[in-house]
């Protein structure tokens, strides 16, 4: 039974892998040899794992789980072109009910029914064989030995061809089901378990407010908008031909909004990018791999500022755990919330009251509000925009993206970008009102967490391992709007910011740029990673103050 299960998972369960191998630029003979070698290798390793687990109360549940995972892997790799690596498994483990609902489709039921139901029925219809412990152990050991022998023979016979395949197409190593999920789950557990046992490392314990707060007539109010799945390729300010950001273009033409056109994300999914965005570590230092350190919000709060996180997404990924935060999931605002989720405009409802409820002493010094968008979250792009904000028609209204004509898919996605433009416009108008009333010196920074693939090279959605991710998933939009009073207290030159808008920057700069803008002094601040610092009018004096 074990080897039949292993063979089933290795052959029908890996149809996307075989399709990928057939698409490679090789002769038919090379393709068939590659498929045969990989199929035997996958079956050998899978069978060996099942032999280790071949105990009466263990084998059937574990095999059932592997069969279901294999079927799900096949569906999502086939439909969206994704691969299964540790970050993709982490995303799956943190998926909420709304995201699960968006991924359900008839093709998913068909895939699971075809690839999982027949072997599951056969597996559970076979009677269990109960043997004495030593007899069962001997049987398991024999199976493991035979499985390893099979793996060794296959590797020796086809090493050159398999090694060449893996070198030429690194994504293949993440497509072999169910081993990809087993490996990714093991890596994730090995990374996460030690972290859970270690105390959170403090950051910026020396944080204090700078000289600009000593004689301030009114406190700063900075809004940080964390975009979701917006790619720069479809952002009109970054050269896209369609009018996806007309409101932001108007703000830019009026002179106070600066667009940053060459911004690189830290990851290709929210689970990595959001913590990395707020991390004191750069991607190279491990900001994309660790949540062991406190983050930007902790430092701002420690310095004495009021901090608030509003979430219209599936959570802050641990970033907001130690500051005041709230979610829109339970809200039911007419016209803005339906079907268990809300449009992003809901975060502006009652925002004044939410800020007023923060600690008054902190609020008097300054406020930083983070708005975490639903943005362009797929695959159900059409759900992210109200009927009144769909300028591009007809739009794809399916979550099976490959079934939609390319132009309709782009329309649905562009509508989400246009709605983000509307949301930012509303937020900027609110901030401008705050500034004109004399209550705050206001500013806004918008930055997307990662990009998205819309069918280029057969890829959809996001989450491709960063080492070979397409630029559509890593090139993200960013804009900044700073009121005259905030620029004055920060010593920033607007002309300089505009001139530097095309300079390459990344998520690595966010932590330090916000600290610099909010004039928070700490040894954690690195001037070299402050994207705004070169535009401080008295740069040397500012660096000395922030020491």
Protein backbone atom coordinates (compact mmCIF):
# COMPACT_ATOMS: atom_id res chain seq x y z
CA UNK A 1 0.00 0.00 0.00
CA UNK A 2 2.78 2.43 0.92
CA UNK A 3 4.52 2.24 -2.42
CA UNK A 4 1.28 2.54 -4.37
CA UNK A 5 0.52 5.73 -2.41
CA UNK A 6 4.04 7.06 -3.03
CA UNK A 7 3.76 6.32 -6.75
CA UNK A 8 0.35 8.04 -6.96
CA UNK A 9 1.67 11.19 -5.30
CA UNK A 10 4.81 11.14 -7.43
CA UNK A 11 3.15 10.74 -10.83
CA UNK A 12 -0.43 12.16 -11.04
CA UNK A 13 0.28 14.45 -8.09
CA UNK A 14 3.07 16.21 -9.98
CA UNK A 15 1.37 17.05 -13.26
CA UNK A 16 2.44 20.75 -13.05
CA UNK A 17 6.07 19.59 -12.67
CA UNK A 18 5.83 17.31 -15.68
CA UNK A 19 4.21 20.11 -17.69
CA UNK A 20 7.10 22.43 -16.74
CA UNK A 21 9.67 19.82 -17.79
CA UNK A 22 7.94 19.37 -21.15
CA UNK A 23 8.13 23.14 -21.73
CA UNK A 24 11.94 23.19 -21.36
CA UNK A 25 14.14 23.54 -24.41
CA UNK A 26 15.23 19.89 -24.60
CA UNK A 27 14.84 16.93 -26.89
CA UNK A 28 11.91 14.58 -26.27
CA UNK A 29 14.32 11.93 -25.02
CA UNK A 30 15.89 14.31 -22.49
CA UNK A 31 12.46 15.33 -21.24
CA UNK A 32 11.29 11.76 -20.79
CA UNK A 33 14.50 10.76 -18.99
CA UNK A 34 14.16 13.79 -16.71
CA UNK A 35 10.54 12.98 -15.92
CA UNK A 36 11.31 9.30 -15.26
CA UNK A 37 14.26 10.13 -13.03
CA UNK A 38 12.39 12.74 -11.01
CA UNK A 39 9.28 10.55 -10.68
CA UNK A 40 11.31 7.64 -9.31
CA UNK A 41 13.26 9.95 -7.01
CA UNK A 42 10.09 11.56 -5.62
CA UNK A 43 8.43 8.15 -5.20
CA UNK A 44 11.53 6.77 -3.47
CA UNK A 45 11.83 9.60 -0.95
CA UNK A 46 8.07 9.73 -0.33
CA UNK A 47 7.89 5.97 0.15
CA UNK A 48 10.83 6.09 2.57
CA UNK A 49 9.07 8.72 4.67
CA UNK A 50 5.89 6.66 4.73
CA UNK A 51 7.84 3.56 5.78
CA UNK A 52 9.21 5.49 8.75
CA UNK A 53 5.64 6.37 9.72
CA UNK A 54 4.21 2.92 9.02
CA UNK A 55 2.43 2.37 12.32
CA UNK A 56 -1.27 1.41 12.54
CA UNK A 57 -2.51 4.64 14.15
CA UNK A 58 -0.16 6.95 12.25
CA UNK A 59 0.13 5.87 8.63
CA UNK A 60 -3.39 6.53 7.36
CA UNK A 61 -3.85 10.04 8.86
CA UNK A 62 -0.39 11.16 7.71
CA UNK A 63 -0.80 9.67 4.24
CA UNK A 64 -4.24 11.29 3.95
CA UNK A 65 -2.76 14.67 4.80
CA UNK A 66 0.02 14.22 2.26
CA UNK A 67 -2.49 13.24 -0.44
CA UNK A 68 -4.63 16.33 0.21
CA UNK A 69 -1.58 18.60 0.30
CA UNK A 70 -0.35 17.08 -2.97
CA UNK A 71 -3.71 17.74 -4.63
CA UNK A 72 -3.80 21.34 -3.34
CA UNK A 73 -0.21 21.93 -4.45
CA UNK A 74 -1.01 20.65 -7.93
CA UNK A 75 -4.04 22.93 -8.22
CA UNK A 76 -2.32 26.14 -7.13
CA UNK A 77 0.89 25.47 -9.04
CA UNK A 78 -1.12 24.72 -12.17
CA UNK A 79 -3.61 27.56 -11.83
CA UNK A 80 -1.39 30.38 -10.55
CA UNK A 81 2.15 29.26 -11.46
CA UNK A 82 3.26 29.49 -7.81
CA UNK A 83 5.80 27.20 -6.15
CA UNK A 84 5.81 25.83 -2.61
CA UNK A 85 8.62 27.15 -0.43
CA UNK A 86 8.82 27.99 3.30
CA UNK A 87 7.38 31.49 2.85
CA UNK A 88 4.45 30.13 0.84
CA UNK A 89 3.71 27.61 3.60
CA UNK A 90 3.95 30.42 6.16
CA UNK A 91 1.41 32.38 4.10
CA UNK A 92 -0.92 29.39 4.04
CA UNK A 93 -0.69 28.97 7.81
CA UNK A 94 -1.59 32.65 8.32
CA UNK A 95 -4.43 32.71 5.80
CA UNK A 96 -7.76 33.89 7.20
CA UNK A 97 -11.29 32.86 6.26
CA UNK A 98 -11.67 35.66 3.72
CA UNK A 99 -8.57 34.60 1.82
CA UNK A 100 -9.61 30.94 1.87
CA UNK A 101 -12.99 31.92 0.46
CA UNK A 102 -11.35 33.86 -2.38
CA UNK A 103 -9.29 30.83 -3.35
CA UNK A 104 -12.21 28.39 -3.56
CA UNK A 105 -13.27 27.50 -7.08
CA UNK A 106 -14.84 24.61 -9.05
CA UNK A 107 -11.41 23.75 -10.45
CA UNK A 108 -10.10 23.33 -6.90
CA UNK A 109 -12.87 20.86 -6.06
CA UNK A 110 -12.19 19.03 -9.32
CA UNK A 111 -8.47 18.77 -8.60
CA UNK A 112 -8.94 17.54 -5.05
CA UNK A 113 -11.66 15.15 -6.18
CA UNK A 114 -9.48 13.71 -8.95
CA UNK A 115 -6.10 13.59 -7.24
CA UNK A 116 -7.04 12.92 -3.62
CA UNK A 117 -10.42 11.19 -3.36
CA UNK A 118 -9.62 7.90 -5.22
CA UNK A 119 -6.42 7.11 -3.27
CA UNK A 120 -8.07 8.23 -0.02
CA UNK A 121 -10.98 5.87 -0.59
CA UNK A 122 -8.59 3.00 -1.32
CA UNK A 123 -6.40 3.88 1.66
CA UNK A 124 -9.24 3.88 4.16
CA UNK A 125 -11.01 0.86 2.66
CA UNK A 126 -8.01 -1.42 3.29
CA UNK A 127 -8.10 -3.16 6.68
CA UNK A 128 -5.32 -2.31 9.13
CA UNK A 129 -2.73 -5.00 9.79
CA UNK A 130 -1.72 -5.16 13.47
CA UNK A 131 1.64 -6.84 14.01
CA UNK A 132 3.83 -7.24 17.07
CA UNK A 133 6.04 -4.21 17.65
CA UNK A 134 9.31 -5.88 16.66
CA UNK A 135 7.77 -7.40 13.55
CA UNK A 136 6.39 -4.01 12.48
CA UNK A 137 9.70 -2.30 13.24
CA UNK A 138 11.59 -4.85 11.13
CA UNK A 139 9.13 -4.33 8.28
CA UNK A 140 9.54 -0.56 8.50
CA UNK A 141 13.33 -0.78 8.56
CA UNK A 142 13.29 -3.03 5.49
CA UNK A 143 11.04 -0.54 3.67
CA UNK A 144 13.35 2.35 4.58
CA UNK A 145 16.41 0.44 3.35
CA UNK A 146 14.71 -0.43 0.05
CA UNK A 147 13.53 3.16 -0.38
CA UNK A 148 16.98 4.61 0.25
CA UNK A 149 18.51 2.05 -2.10
CA UNK A 150 16.05 3.14 -4.79
CA UNK A 151 16.95 6.81 -4.22
CA UNK A 152 20.69 6.08 -4.42
CA UNK A 153 20.32 4.11 -7.64
CA UNK A 154 18.21 6.81 -9.28
CA UNK A 155 20.62 9.58 -8.24
CA UNK A 156 23.66 7.67 -9.51
CA UNK A 157 21.95 6.83 -12.79
CA UNK A 158 20.63 10.30 -13.55
CA UNK A 159 22.70 12.70 -11.45
CA UNK A 160 24.11 14.72 -14.34
CA UNK A 161 20.74 15.29 -15.96
CA UNK A 162 18.94 16.08 -12.69
CA UNK A 163 21.70 18.43 -11.50
CA UNK A 164 21.60 20.28 -14.80
CA UNK A 165 17.82 20.63 -14.57
CA UNK A 166 17.97 22.07 -11.05
CA UNK A 167 20.76 24.50 -11.95
CA UNK A 168 18.98 25.79 -15.04
CA UNK A 169 15.55 26.15 -13.42
CA UNK A 170 15.74 26.69 -9.67
CA UNK A 171 11.96 26.72 -9.30
CA UNK A 172 11.80 22.98 -10.07
CA UNK A 173 13.11 22.14 -6.59
CA UNK A 174 10.00 23.78 -5.11
CA UNK A 175 7.57 21.90 -7.38
CA UNK A 176 8.10 18.27 -6.34
CA UNK A 177 5.02 17.33 -4.30
CA UNK A 178 4.56 16.41 -1.53
CA UNK A 179 8.27 16.76 -0.72
CA UNK A 180 8.18 20.52 -1.30
CA UNK A 181 5.55 20.94 1.43
CA UNK A 182 7.34 18.53 3.79
CA UNK A 183 10.64 20.36 3.31
CA UNK A 184 9.06 23.82 3.60
CA UNK A 185 7.16 22.82 6.73
CA UNK A 186 10.32 21.41 8.29
CA UNK A 187 12.35 24.53 7.52
CA UNK A 188 9.59 26.75 8.88
CA UNK A 189 9.33 24.73 12.10
CA UNK A 190 13.11 24.75 12.53
CA UNK A 191 13.16 28.54 12.13
CA UNK A 192 10.10 29.38 14.19
CA UNK A 193 10.50 27.06 17.17
CA UNK A 194 13.80 28.54 18.43
CA UNK A 195 12.40 32.06 17.93
CA UNK A 196 9.44 31.28 20.15
CA UNK A 197 11.85 30.27 22.90
CA UNK A 198 13.93 33.47 22.68
CA UNK A 199 13.00 36.82 24.17
CA UNK A 200 12.27 39.68 21.80
CA UNK A 201 15.40 41.76 21.25
CA UNK A 202 14.86 45.43 22.19
CA UNK A 203 15.59 48.15 19.63
CA UNK A 204 16.20 51.81 20.29
CA UNK A 205 16.19 51.66 24.08
CA UNK A 206 17.79 55.13 24.00
CA UNK A 207 15.02 56.58 21.78
CA UNK A 208 14.06 60.17 22.60
CA UNK A 209 12.39 63.02 20.79
CA UNK A 210 14.68 65.52 19.06
CA UNK A 211 15.08 69.27 19.28
CA UNK A 212 12.10 70.04 17.02
CA UNK A 213 9.72 69.00 19.82
CA UNK A 214 11.10 71.44 22.43
CA UNK A 215 9.31 74.53 21.14
CA UNK A 216 6.67 72.99 18.87
CA UNK A 217 3.44 74.94 18.50
CA UNK A 218 1.54 71.88 17.28
CA UNK A 219 2.38 68.17 17.16
CA UNK A 220 3.19 66.19 14.02
CA UNK A 221 0.69 63.70 12.60
CA UNK A 222 2.19 61.18 10.19
CA UNK A 223 0.06 58.59 8.36
CA UNK A 224 1.89 55.52 7.04
CA UNK A 225 -0.20 53.64 4.47
CA UNK A 226 0.98 50.07 3.94
CA UNK A 227 -0.29 49.09 0.50
CA UNK A 228 -1.18 45.53 -0.42
CA UNK A 229 -0.07 43.80 -3.64
CA UNK A 230 0.27 47.00 -5.68
CA UNK A 231 2.95 46.79 -8.33
CA UNK A 232 4.70 49.79 -9.81
CA UNK A 233 4.13 48.54 -13.36
CA UNK A 234 0.43 49.49 -13.09
CA UNK A 235 0.96 52.79 -11.24
CA UNK A 236 0.42 55.75 -13.54
CA UNK A 237 2.91 57.92 -11.61
CA UNK A 238 5.57 55.32 -12.46
CA UNK A 239 4.95 55.55 -16.20
CA UNK A 240 1.94 53.25 -16.70
CA UNK A 241 -0.10 54.41 -19.69
CA UNK A 242 -3.54 54.02 -18.11
CA UNK A 243 -4.98 56.62 -15.66
CA UNK A 244 -4.85 54.45 -12.54
CA UNK A 245 -3.71 57.30 -10.23
CA UNK A 246 -5.38 60.50 -11.47
CA UNK A 247 -5.89 61.93 -7.97
CA UNK A 248 -2.26 61.39 -6.98
CA UNK A 249 -1.20 62.94 -10.29
CA UNK A 250 -3.22 66.01 -9.35
CA UNK A 251 -1.56 66.19 -5.92
CA UNK A 252 1.82 65.82 -7.62
CA UNK A 253 1.02 68.60 -10.09
CA UNK A 254 0.04 70.87 -7.19
CA UNK A 255 3.60 70.46 -5.99
CA UNK A 256 3.62 68.79 -2.58
CA UNK A 257 3.44 65.08 -3.42
CA UNK A 258 6.68 63.30 -4.33
CA UNK A 259 6.72 59.99 -6.19
CA UNK A 260 9.54 57.48 -5.69
CA UNK A 261 9.70 55.43 -8.86
CA UNK A 262 12.50 52.92 -8.17
CA UNK A 263 11.52 51.13 -4.96
CA UNK A 264 12.36 47.49 -4.24
CA UNK A 265 10.35 45.39 -1.79
CA UNK A 266 11.93 43.20 0.87
CA UNK A 267 9.82 40.16 0.02
CA UNK A 268 7.20 38.85 -2.37
CA UNK A 269 4.48 38.23 0.21
CA UNK A 270 2.91 40.02 3.16
CA UNK A 271 4.19 37.56 5.75
CA UNK A 272 7.77 38.55 4.90
CA UNK A 273 7.44 42.11 3.62
CA UNK A 274 5.43 43.77 6.39
CA UNK A 275 7.73 42.72 9.28
CA UNK A 276 10.77 43.45 7.12
CA UNK A 277 9.42 46.89 6.21
CA UNK A 278 9.27 47.90 9.89
CA UNK A 279 12.44 46.05 10.89
CA UNK A 280 15.66 47.82 11.91
CA UNK A 281 17.50 45.19 9.86
CA UNK A 282 18.04 45.37 6.13
CA UNK A 283 17.14 42.43 3.95
CA UNK A 284 20.83 41.51 3.74
CA UNK A 285 21.06 41.57 7.54
CA UNK A 286 18.11 39.19 7.87
CA UNK A 287 15.16 41.57 8.03
CA UNK A 288 13.28 39.20 5.72
CA UNK A 289 13.89 36.18 7.93
CA UNK A 290 13.52 37.20 11.55
CA UNK A 291 10.93 38.67 13.87
CA UNK A 292 13.22 38.49 16.88
CA UNK A 293 13.68 42.27 17.14
CA UNK A 294 11.36 45.06 18.12
CA UNK A 295 10.38 47.28 15.22
CA UNK A 296 9.77 50.86 14.16
CA UNK A 297 6.50 51.16 16.08
CA UNK A 298 8.18 50.08 19.31
CA UNK A 299 10.86 52.75 18.87
CA UNK A 300 8.34 55.50 18.07
CA UNK A 301 6.27 54.56 21.11
CA UNK A 302 9.34 54.34 23.35
CA UNK A 303 10.33 57.85 22.27
CA UNK A 304 6.99 59.10 23.64
CA UNK A 305 4.80 59.34 20.52
CA UNK A 306 1.24 58.01 20.20
CA UNK A 307 1.04 55.11 17.75
CA UNK A 308 -2.07 53.51 16.22
CA UNK A 309 -2.38 50.61 13.75
CA UNK A 310 -5.63 50.18 11.78
CA UNK A 311 -5.90 46.92 9.85
CA UNK A 312 -8.17 46.15 6.91
CA UNK A 313 -6.13 43.04 6.15
CA UNK A 314 -5.45 39.66 7.72
CA UNK A 315 -3.37 41.13 10.54
CA UNK A 316 -0.14 43.01 11.14
CA UNK A 317 2.10 39.89 11.22
CA UNK A 318 3.22 40.74 14.76
CA UNK A 319 4.34 44.29 13.96
CA UNK A 320 1.56 46.00 15.94
CA UNK A 321 1.37 43.60 18.88
CA UNK A 322 2.77 46.08 21.42
CA UNK A 323 1.00 49.27 20.29
CA UNK A 324 -2.70 50.22 20.16
CA UNK A 325 -4.27 48.44 17.19
CA UNK A 326 -7.66 47.52 15.84
CA UNK A 327 -9.12 45.55 12.94
CA UNK A 328 -12.02 46.33 10.63
CA UNK A 329 -13.06 42.67 10.32
CA UNK A 330 -16.01 43.00 12.69
CA UNK A 331 -17.26 46.32 11.30
CA UNK A 332 -20.51 46.50 9.37
CA UNK A 333 -20.62 49.99 7.92
CA UNK A 334 -23.38 50.32 5.28
CA UNK A 335 -21.92 50.91 1.85
CA UNK A 336 -18.38 50.02 2.95
CA UNK A 337 -18.65 46.51 4.41
CA UNK A 338 -20.24 43.46 2.87
CA UNK A 339 -19.62 39.72 2.78
CA UNK A 340 -17.34 39.73 5.81
CA UNK A 341 -14.88 42.36 4.55
CA UNK A 342 -14.70 46.13 4.14
CA UNK A 343 -13.39 48.48 1.50
CA UNK A 344 -10.35 50.49 2.55
CA UNK A 345 -12.32 53.71 3.02
CA UNK A 346 -13.68 52.20 6.23
CA UNK A 347 -10.37 52.97 7.96
CA UNK A 348 -11.11 56.70 7.64
CA UNK A 349 -14.47 56.36 9.36
CA UNK A 350 -14.18 57.70 12.89
CA UNK A 351 -10.42 58.16 12.60
CA UNK A 352 -10.52 61.42 14.54
CA UNK A 353 -12.23 59.65 17.43
CA UNK A 354 -9.73 56.80 17.38
CA UNK A 355 -6.84 59.26 17.59
CA UNK A 356 -8.60 61.21 20.34
CA UNK A 357 -8.83 57.98 22.38
CA UNK A 358 -5.03 57.58 22.46
CA UNK A 359 -2.97 58.55 25.48
CA UNK A 360 -3.33 62.38 25.74
CA UNK A 361 0.27 63.01 26.84
CA UNK A 362 1.65 61.03 23.93
CA UNK A 363 -0.86 62.57 21.55
CA UNK A 364 0.29 66.04 22.55
CA UNK A 365 3.84 65.18 21.44
CA UNK A 366 2.92 63.61 18.09
CA UNK A 367 0.94 60.83 16.41
CA UNK A 368 1.86 58.11 13.92
CA UNK A 369 -1.05 56.20 12.36
CA UNK A 370 -0.54 53.10 10.21
CA UNK A 371 -3.31 52.13 7.76
CA UNK A 372 -2.89 48.57 6.45
CA UNK A 373 -4.87 48.24 3.24
CA UNK A 374 -6.75 45.40 1.64
CA UNK A 375 -5.55 47.14 -1.53
CA UNK A 376 -5.10 44.87 -4.55
CA UNK A 377 -5.25 41.55 -2.73
CA UNK A 378 -6.03 38.74 -5.16
CA UNK A 379 -7.18 36.56 -6.71
CA UNK A 380 -10.66 38.08 -6.31
CA UNK A 381 -9.63 41.57 -7.41
CA UNK A 382 -13.21 42.47 -8.31
CA UNK A 383 -14.16 42.23 -4.62
CA UNK A 384 -11.69 44.92 -3.60
CA UNK A 385 -13.55 47.81 -5.26
CA UNK A 386 -17.10 49.16 -4.82
CA UNK A 387 -19.34 49.43 -7.87
CA UNK A 388 -18.83 53.20 -7.97
CA UNK A 389 -15.05 52.84 -8.40
CA UNK A 390 -14.61 50.56 -11.41
CA UNK A 391 -13.39 52.79 -14.25
CA UNK A 392 -11.95 49.94 -16.32
CA UNK A 393 -14.48 47.60 -17.90
CA UNK A 394 -15.22 44.80 -18.46
CA UNK A 395 -13.40 43.28 -15.48
CA UNK A 396 -12.59 39.70 -14.59
CA UNK A 397 -15.07 38.50 -11.97
CA UNK A 398 -13.53 35.10 -11.33
CA UNK A 399 -10.86 33.94 -8.89
CA UNK A 400 -9.65 31.44 -11.51
CA UNK A 401 -7.48 34.05 -13.14
CA UNK A 402 -6.26 31.94 -16.04
CA UNK A 403 -9.89 31.58 -17.22
CA UNK A 404 -10.25 35.34 -17.75
CA UNK A 405 -9.18 37.17 -20.91
CA UNK A 406 -5.94 39.01 -20.18
CA UNK A 407 -7.46 42.44 -20.72
CA UNK A 408 -10.31 41.73 -18.27
CA UNK A 409 -7.84 40.54 -15.65
CA UNK A 410 -5.81 43.73 -16.05
CA UNK A 411 -9.01 45.79 -15.83
CA UNK A 412 -9.95 44.17 -12.52
CA UNK A 413 -6.46 44.74 -11.13
CA UNK A 414 -6.25 48.32 -12.42
CA UNK A 415 -9.58 49.05 -10.71
CA UNK A 416 -7.97 48.13 -7.39
CA UNK A 417 -5.08 50.51 -8.08
CA UNK A 418 -7.55 53.24 -8.98
CA UNK A 419 -9.40 52.62 -5.72
CA UNK A 420 -6.13 52.89 -3.79
CA UNK A 421 -5.66 56.22 -5.58
CA UNK A 422 -9.11 57.29 -4.34
CA UNK A 423 -8.35 56.08 -0.79
CA UNK A 424 -5.06 58.00 -0.69
CA UNK A 425 -6.83 61.08 -2.07
CA UNK A 426 -9.40 60.90 0.76
CA UNK A 427 -6.63 60.43 3.33
CA UNK A 428 -4.66 63.38 1.94
CA UNK A 429 -7.73 65.61 2.02
CA UNK A 430 -8.27 64.68 5.67
CA UNK A 431 -4.62 65.43 6.48
CA UNK A 432 -4.79 68.73 4.63
CA UNK A 433 -7.83 69.69 6.70
CA UNK A 434 -5.91 68.80 9.87
CA UNK A 435 -3.01 70.98 8.76
CA UNK A 436 -5.19 73.96 7.82
CA UNK A 437 -7.06 73.79 11.12
CA UNK A 438 -3.77 74.27 12.94
CA UNK A 439 -4.11 71.07 14.97
CA UNK A 440 -1.16 69.16 13.48
CA UNK A 441 1.82 69.29 11.14
CA UNK A 442 0.79 66.50 8.80
CA UNK A 443 2.37 64.07 6.36
CA UNK A 444 1.77 60.78 4.57
CA UNK A 445 3.98 58.02 3.21
CA UNK A 446 2.44 55.29 1.06
CA UNK A 447 4.44 52.17 0.26
CA UNK A 448 3.25 48.81 -1.06
CA UNK A 449 4.39 45.60 0.62
CA UNK A 450 5.07 43.69 -2.62
CA UNK A 451 3.90 43.45 -6.20
CA UNK A 452 1.88 40.98 -8.24
CA UNK A 453 2.08 38.83 -11.36
CA UNK A 454 -0.83 39.05 -13.80
CA UNK A 455 -0.06 36.13 -16.09
CA UNK A 456 3.42 37.14 -17.27
CA UNK A 457 5.33 33.93 -18.06
CA UNK A 458 2.38 31.91 -16.73
CA UNK A 459 2.67 33.40 -13.22
CA UNK A 460 -0.21 34.81 -11.20
CA UNK A 461 -0.46 36.36 -7.72
CA UNK A 462 2.84 36.57 -5.80
CA UNK A 463 5.08 34.66 -3.40
CA UNK A 464 7.73 33.42 -5.84
CA UNK A 465 11.02 32.84 -3.96
CA UNK A 466 12.87 36.15 -3.94
CA UNK A 467 16.02 34.83 -5.59
CA UNK A 468 14.20 34.35 -8.90
CA UNK A 469 11.06 36.45 -8.43
CA UNK A 470 10.02 38.55 -11.46
CA UNK A 471 10.29 42.32 -11.11
CA UNK A 472 6.50 42.62 -11.16
CA UNK A 473 6.53 41.12 -7.66
CA UNK A 474 9.35 43.26 -6.22
CA UNK A 475 9.06 46.69 -7.90
CA UNK A 476 6.55 48.64 -5.81
CA UNK A 477 5.11 52.17 -5.73
CA UNK A 478 5.84 54.76 -3.04
CA UNK A 479 4.70 58.34 -2.58
CA UNK A 480 5.20 60.94 0.15
CA UNK A 481 3.18 64.07 0.93
CA UNK A 482 4.49 66.44 3.58
CA UNK A 483 2.67 69.62 4.58
CA UNK A 484 4.72 72.86 4.49
CA UNK A 485 4.87 72.98 8.28
CA UNK A 486 6.12 69.39 8.55
CA UNK A 487 8.77 70.06 5.90
CA UNK A 488 9.79 73.19 7.76
CA UNK A 489 10.22 71.45 11.11
CA UNK A 490 12.08 68.58 9.41
CA UNK A 491 14.30 70.90 7.36
CA UNK A 492 13.38 69.10 4.14
CA UNK A 493 13.72 70.65 0.69
CA UNK A 494 10.80 69.79 -1.57
CA UNK A 495 12.83 70.49 -4.72
CA UNK A 496 15.51 68.08 -3.51
CA UNK A 497 12.95 65.36 -2.79
CA UNK A 498 11.50 65.71 -6.28
CA UNK A 499 14.97 65.52 -7.80
CA UNK A 500 15.74 62.35 -5.85
CA UNK A 501 12.43 60.65 -6.66
CA UNK A 502 14.05 58.46 -9.31
CA UNK A 503 16.91 57.28 -7.06
CA UNK A 504 16.82 53.53 -6.23
CA UNK A 505 15.65 52.81 -2.68
CA UNK A 506 14.04 49.84 -0.94
CA UNK A 507 12.09 48.71 2.10
CA UNK A 508 15.45 48.83 3.90
CA UNK A 509 15.15 52.63 4.04
CA UNK A 510 11.70 52.82 5.62
CA UNK A 511 12.63 52.34 9.30
CA UNK A 512 15.33 55.01 9.21
CA UNK A 513 13.45 57.45 6.97
CA UNK A 514 10.47 57.53 9.35
CA UNK A 515 12.72 57.99 12.39
CA UNK A 516 14.48 60.85 10.61
CA UNK A 517 11.24 62.49 9.52
CA UNK A 518 9.78 62.23 13.05
CA UNK A 519 13.06 63.50 14.58
CA UNK A 520 13.54 60.51 16.89
CA UNK A 521 17.09 60.27 18.23
CA UNK A 522 18.49 56.79 18.75
CA UNK A 523 21.62 54.80 17.99
CA UNK A 524 19.35 52.49 15.95
CA UNK A 525 18.98 55.27 13.36
CA UNK A 526 21.39 54.99 10.41
CA UNK A 527 21.62 58.21 8.35
CA UNK A 528 22.93 56.27 5.34
CA UNK A 529 19.60 54.40 5.17
CA UNK A 530 17.43 57.50 5.55
CA UNK A 531 16.14 58.16 2.05
CA UNK A 532 15.06 61.68 3.04
CA UNK A 533 18.26 62.72 4.86
CA UNK A 534 20.11 64.03 1.76
CA UNK A 535 17.32 66.59 1.39
CA UNK A 536 17.55 68.03 4.89
CA UNK A 537 18.48 71.68 4.41
CA UNK A 538 20.93 71.60 7.28
CA UNK A 539 21.97 68.00 6.88
CA UNK A 540 25.02 68.13 9.14
CA UNK A 541 23.08 69.77 11.95
CA UNK A 542 20.21 67.27 11.59
CA UNK A 543 22.62 64.34 11.72
CA UNK A 544 24.19 65.77 14.87
CA UNK A 545 20.82 66.26 16.54
CA UNK A 546 19.71 62.71 15.74
CA UNK A 547 23.15 61.33 16.78
